[in-house]
Amino acid sequence: MGRLRGHERDHDRDRRLGGARLMLPPKRRSKSGRENDGRRCPAHVRFVRSHACSVKGCQQGPIEVAHVRRGTGGGMALKPSDRWTLSLCQAHHRLQHEAGEESFEQITGLDMRAMAEEFTRRSPHRRELEAMP
């Protein structure tokens, strides 16, 4: 059965489906209602999430990806780019938001910005991340 060209594959699929063409549902928009604005790198997020919690000695899970807001172009209404992410367990991620980043760093002894920079430095997607704000 050799290789089929795209339109031939579509024709064969249509015949199997009784001639009816299937429509895909519309693409989902991000939580903010905006498309990717050049600040997202899902592959890097998966890389970060594959690590343990960044708080020294913590072995809890599940792991979530936390964005560093302070000094990274993020704020209350704007999530920073995925360049500024680090791995935190669910409990420490919640504490980061409840206590605020400055207090969280004092409590945990973690320099969040430095840790996010290290994740970017070691990421297989470093070049893409360095082009982000």
Foldseek 3Di string as FASTA:
>chain_A
DDDDDPVVVVVVVCVVVVNDDDDDDDDDDPPLRHHPPLQEDVLLQVVQQVDAAPQPPDRAADKHKAFDAPPQPHDDSGGGGQLQIHIHHPVLNVVCVVVPPVVSCVVRVDDSRVRSNVSLVPDPCNVSSVVGD
